Amino acid sequence: FIGEARGVGAMQALEFVKDPRTRTPDAARAKAVQQAALARGLMILSAGMHANVLRTLMPLVISDADLEEGLGILEAALEASR
């Protein structure tokens, strides 16, 4: 359900699609992942013309522990949306 992962430096984005072949935007899944992450304490920005992109922007001074915690929360939110 991830059509593309992209980014530059600390700013990364995940594009959610209903079908990887047609790349039909899936704004509902993006919103569900965003809400699941927020419920676990991680704020993720929504973006994109179709609101189907979630964007992360970690501070350049983030500790390894904080980064691992945030990525763990994101992973749990992605799993919850399956």
N, C-alpha and C. Protein backbone atom coordinates (compact mmCIF):
# COMPACT_ATOMS: atom_id res chain seq x y z
N PHE A 1 0.80 -1.20 0.00
CA PHE A 1 0.00 0.00 0.00
C PHE A 1 0.85 1.27 0.00
N ILE A 2 2.17 1.13 -0.04
CA ILE A 2 3.05 2.28 -0.17
C ILE A 2 3.50 2.36 -1.63
N GLY A 3 3.07 3.41 -2.31
CA GLY A 3 3.40 3.57 -3.71
C GLY A 3 4.81 4.05 -3.92
N GLU A 4 5.28 4.90 -3.00
CA GLU A 4 6.63 5.43 -3.14
C GLU A 4 7.10 5.96 -1.79
N ALA A 5 8.37 5.74 -1.51
CA ALA A 5 9.05 6.37 -0.38
C ALA A 5 10.08 7.30 -0.98
N ARG A 6 10.06 8.55 -0.55
CA ARG A 6 10.97 9.52 -1.16
C ARG A 6 11.38 10.57 -0.13
N GLY A 7 12.39 11.33 -0.47
CA GLY A 7 12.79 12.41 0.40
C GLY A 7 14.20 12.88 0.15
N VAL A 8 14.54 13.93 0.86
CA VAL A 8 15.88 14.50 0.79
C VAL A 8 16.32 14.76 2.23
N GLY A 9 17.46 14.21 2.60
CA GLY A 9 17.97 14.44 3.95
C GLY A 9 17.01 13.95 5.01
N ALA A 10 16.73 14.81 5.97
CA ALA A 10 15.87 14.42 7.09
C ALA A 10 14.38 14.44 6.74
N MET A 11 14.00 15.08 5.63
CA MET A 11 12.60 15.11 5.24
C MET A 11 12.31 13.93 4.33
N GLN A 12 11.41 13.07 4.79
CA GLN A 12 11.04 11.87 4.05
C GLN A 12 9.53 11.82 3.90
N ALA A 13 9.06 11.07 2.92
CA ALA A 13 7.62 10.96 2.68
C ALA A 13 7.26 9.56 2.25
N LEU A 14 6.08 9.14 2.66
CA LEU A 14 5.49 7.86 2.24
C LEU A 14 4.19 8.18 1.52
N GLU A 15 4.08 7.71 0.29
CA GLU A 15 2.87 7.91 -0.51
C GLU A 15 2.03 6.65 -0.43
N PHE A 16 0.77 6.80 -0.02
CA PHE A 16 -0.13 5.65 0.13
C PHE A 16 -1.03 5.53 -1.10
N VAL A 17 -1.10 4.30 -1.63
CA VAL A 17 -1.90 4.03 -2.82
C VAL A 17 -2.79 2.81 -2.58
N LYS A 18 -3.91 2.76 -3.30
CA LYS A 18 -4.81 1.61 -3.21
C LYS A 18 -4.30 0.44 -4.03
N ASP A 19 -3.66 0.77 -5.15
CA ASP A 19 -3.15 -0.25 -6.06
C ASP A 19 -1.80 0.22 -6.60
N PRO A 20 -0.73 -0.55 -6.39
CA PRO A 20 0.58 -0.10 -6.84
C PRO A 20 0.70 0.06 -8.36
N ARG A 21 -0.11 -0.66 -9.12
CA ARG A 21 -0.04 -0.55 -10.57
C ARG A 21 -0.66 0.74 -11.07
N THR A 22 -1.83 1.08 -10.55
CA THR A 22 -2.53 2.28 -11.00
C THR A 22 -2.13 3.52 -10.22
N ARG A 23 -1.52 3.31 -9.06
CA ARG A 23 -1.09 4.39 -8.16
C ARG A 23 -2.26 5.28 -7.73
N THR A 24 -3.45 4.67 -7.59
CA THR A 24 -4.62 5.40 -7.12
C THR A 24 -4.38 5.86 -5.68
N PRO A 25 -4.49 7.16 -5.39
CA PRO A 25 -4.22 7.67 -4.06
C PRO A 25 -5.14 7.04 -3.00
N ASP A 26 -4.59 6.81 -1.82
CA ASP A 26 -5.36 6.25 -0.70
C ASP A 26 -5.26 7.18 0.50
N ALA A 27 -6.04 8.25 0.46
CA ALA A 27 -6.02 9.25 1.53
C ALA A 27 -6.55 8.67 2.83
N ALA A 28 -7.51 7.74 2.75
CA ALA A 28 -8.08 7.16 3.97
C ALA A 28 -7.02 6.37 4.75
N ARG A 29 -6.19 5.61 4.06
CA ARG A 29 -5.14 4.85 4.74
C ARG A 29 -4.09 5.80 5.33
N ALA A 30 -3.75 6.84 4.59
CA ALA A 30 -2.78 7.81 5.10
C ALA A 30 -3.30 8.44 6.39
N LYS A 31 -4.58 8.79 6.40
CA LYS A 31 -5.20 9.38 7.59
C LYS A 31 -5.21 8.38 8.74
N ALA A 32 -5.50 7.11 8.45
CA ALA A 32 -5.52 6.09 9.50
C ALA A 32 -4.15 5.89 10.12
N VAL A 33 -3.12 5.88 9.29
CA VAL A 33 -1.74 5.74 9.80
C VAL A 33 -1.38 6.96 10.63
N GLN A 34 -1.73 8.14 10.15
CA GLN A 34 -1.44 9.37 10.87
C GLN A 34 -2.11 9.35 12.24
N GLN A 35 -3.37 8.95 12.31
CA GLN A 35 -4.10 8.91 13.57
C GLN A 35 -3.54 7.84 14.51
N ALA A 36 -3.17 6.69 13.96
CA ALA A 36 -2.60 5.62 14.78
C ALA A 36 -1.26 6.05 15.37
N ALA A 37 -0.46 6.77 14.59
CA ALA A 37 0.82 7.27 15.08
C ALA A 37 0.60 8.32 16.17
N LEU A 38 -0.35 9.21 15.95
CA LEU A 38 -0.63 10.25 16.94
C LEU A 38 -1.12 9.65 18.26
N ALA A 39 -1.94 8.62 18.16
CA ALA A 39 -2.42 7.94 19.37
C ALA A 39 -1.28 7.32 20.17
N ARG A 40 -0.18 7.02 19.49
CA ARG A 40 0.99 6.43 20.14
C ARG A 40 2.04 7.50 20.51
N GLY A 41 1.74 8.77 20.22
CA GLY A 41 2.62 9.85 20.61
C GLY A 41 3.53 10.40 19.54
N LEU A 42 3.30 10.05 18.29
CA LEU A 42 4.15 10.52 17.19
C LEU A 42 3.32 11.39 16.25
N MET A 43 3.75 12.62 16.03
CA MET A 43 3.05 13.53 15.13
C MET A 43 3.69 13.44 13.74
N ILE A 44 2.85 13.14 12.75
CA ILE A 44 3.29 13.05 11.36
C ILE A 44 2.43 14.00 10.54
N LEU A 45 3.04 14.70 9.61
CA LEU A 45 2.33 15.66 8.78
C LEU A 45 1.73 14.98 7.55
N SER A 46 0.52 15.37 7.19
CA SER A 46 -0.05 14.90 5.93
C SER A 46 0.30 15.92 4.85
N ALA A 47 0.41 15.44 3.64
CA ALA A 47 0.79 16.30 2.53
C ALA A 47 0.28 15.70 1.23
N GLY A 48 0.56 16.38 0.15
CA GLY A 48 0.21 15.87 -1.17
C GLY A 48 -1.10 16.43 -1.67
N MET A 49 -1.20 16.49 -2.98
CA MET A 49 -2.38 17.03 -3.64
C MET A 49 -3.63 16.22 -3.30
N HIS A 50 -3.46 14.92 -3.03
CA HIS A 50 -4.59 14.04 -2.73
C HIS A 50 -4.65 13.66 -1.26
N ALA A 51 -3.83 14.30 -0.42
CA ALA A 51 -3.77 14.03 1.03
C ALA A 51 -3.42 12.58 1.32
N ASN A 52 -2.64 11.96 0.44
CA ASN A 52 -2.27 10.56 0.61
C ASN A 52 -0.78 10.37 0.91
N VAL A 53 -0.14 11.44 1.33
CA VAL A 53 1.30 11.39 1.62
C VAL A 53 1.51 11.77 3.08
N LEU A 54 2.31 10.98 3.78
CA LEU A 54 2.71 11.34 5.14
C LEU A 54 4.18 11.72 5.11
N ARG A 55 4.48 12.82 5.77
CA ARG A 55 5.82 13.39 5.71
C ARG A 55 6.43 13.40 7.11
N THR A 56 7.68 13.04 7.19
CA THR A 56 8.42 13.13 8.44
C THR A 56 9.56 14.12 8.26
N LEU A 57 9.89 14.80 9.33
CA LEU A 57 11.01 15.73 9.30
C LEU A 57 11.67 15.69 10.67
N MET A 58 12.65 14.82 10.79
CA MET A 58 13.35 14.66 12.05
C MET A 58 14.36 15.78 12.23
N PRO A 59 14.51 16.28 13.46
CA PRO A 59 15.55 17.28 13.70
C PRO A 59 16.93 16.69 13.43
N LEU A 60 17.82 17.50 12.94
CA LEU A 60 19.17 17.02 12.65
C LEU A 60 19.91 16.60 13.92
N VAL A 61 19.46 17.07 15.06
CA VAL A 61 20.13 16.75 16.33
C VAL A 61 19.41 15.64 17.10
N ILE A 62 18.53 14.90 16.46
CA ILE A 62 17.78 13.84 17.14
C ILE A 62 18.73 12.75 17.64
N SER A 63 18.44 12.25 18.82
CA SER A 63 19.28 11.18 19.36
C SER A 63 18.90 9.86 18.69
N ASP A 64 19.82 8.93 18.71
CA ASP A 64 19.54 7.60 18.14
C ASP A 64 18.35 6.96 18.84
N ALA A 65 18.27 7.13 20.15
CA ALA A 65 17.17 6.53 20.92
C ALA A 65 15.83 7.12 20.51
N ASP A 66 15.76 8.44 20.36
CA ASP A 66 14.51 9.08 19.95
C ASP A 66 14.12 8.68 18.53
N LEU A 67 15.10 8.58 17.65
CA LEU A 67 14.83 8.17 16.27
C LEU A 67 14.29 6.74 16.24
N GLU A 68 14.91 5.86 16.99
CA GLU A 68 14.45 4.46 17.04
C GLU A 68 13.03 4.38 17.61
N GLU A 69 12.75 5.18 18.63
CA GLU A 69 11.40 5.18 19.22
C GLU A 69 10.38 5.66 18.19
N GLY A 70 10.69 6.74 17.51
CA GLY A 70 9.77 7.27 16.50
C GLY A 70 9.54 6.30 15.35
N LEU A 71 10.61 5.68 14.88
CA LEU A 71 10.47 4.70 13.79
C LEU A 71 9.67 3.48 14.25
N GLY A 72 9.84 3.10 15.50
CA GLY A 72 9.06 1.99 16.05
C GLY A 72 7.57 2.31 16.09
N ILE A 73 7.25 3.55 16.48
CA ILE A 73 5.86 3.98 16.50
C ILE A 73 5.30 4.02 15.08
N LEU A 74 6.07 4.53 14.14
CA LEU A 74 5.62 4.56 12.75
C LEU A 74 5.37 3.15 12.23
N GLU A 75 6.26 2.25 12.55
CA GLU A 75 6.10 0.86 12.12
C GLU A 75 4.82 0.25 12.70
N ALA A 76 4.55 0.50 13.98
CA ALA A 76 3.33 -0.02 14.61
C ALA A 76 2.09 0.58 13.97
N ALA A 77 2.14 1.87 13.64
CA ALA A 77 0.99 2.52 12.99
C ALA A 77 0.75 1.95 11.60
N LEU A 78 1.82 1.66 10.86
CA LEU A 78 1.69 1.05 9.55
C LEU A 78 1.08 -0.35 9.66
N GLU A 79 1.55 -1.12 10.63
CA GLU A 79 1.01 -2.47 10.84
C GLU A 79 -0.48 -2.41 11.22
N ALA A 80 -0.85 -1.43 12.04
CA ALA A 80 -2.24 -1.30 12.47
C ALA A 80 -3.17 -0.97 11.31
N SER A 81 -2.63 -0.39 10.24
CA SER A 81 -3.48 0.00 9.11
C SER A 81 -3.68 -1.11 8.10
N ARG A 82 -3.04 -2.24 8.30
CA ARG A 82 -3.16 -3.36 7.34
C ARG A 82 -4.55 -3.92 7.30
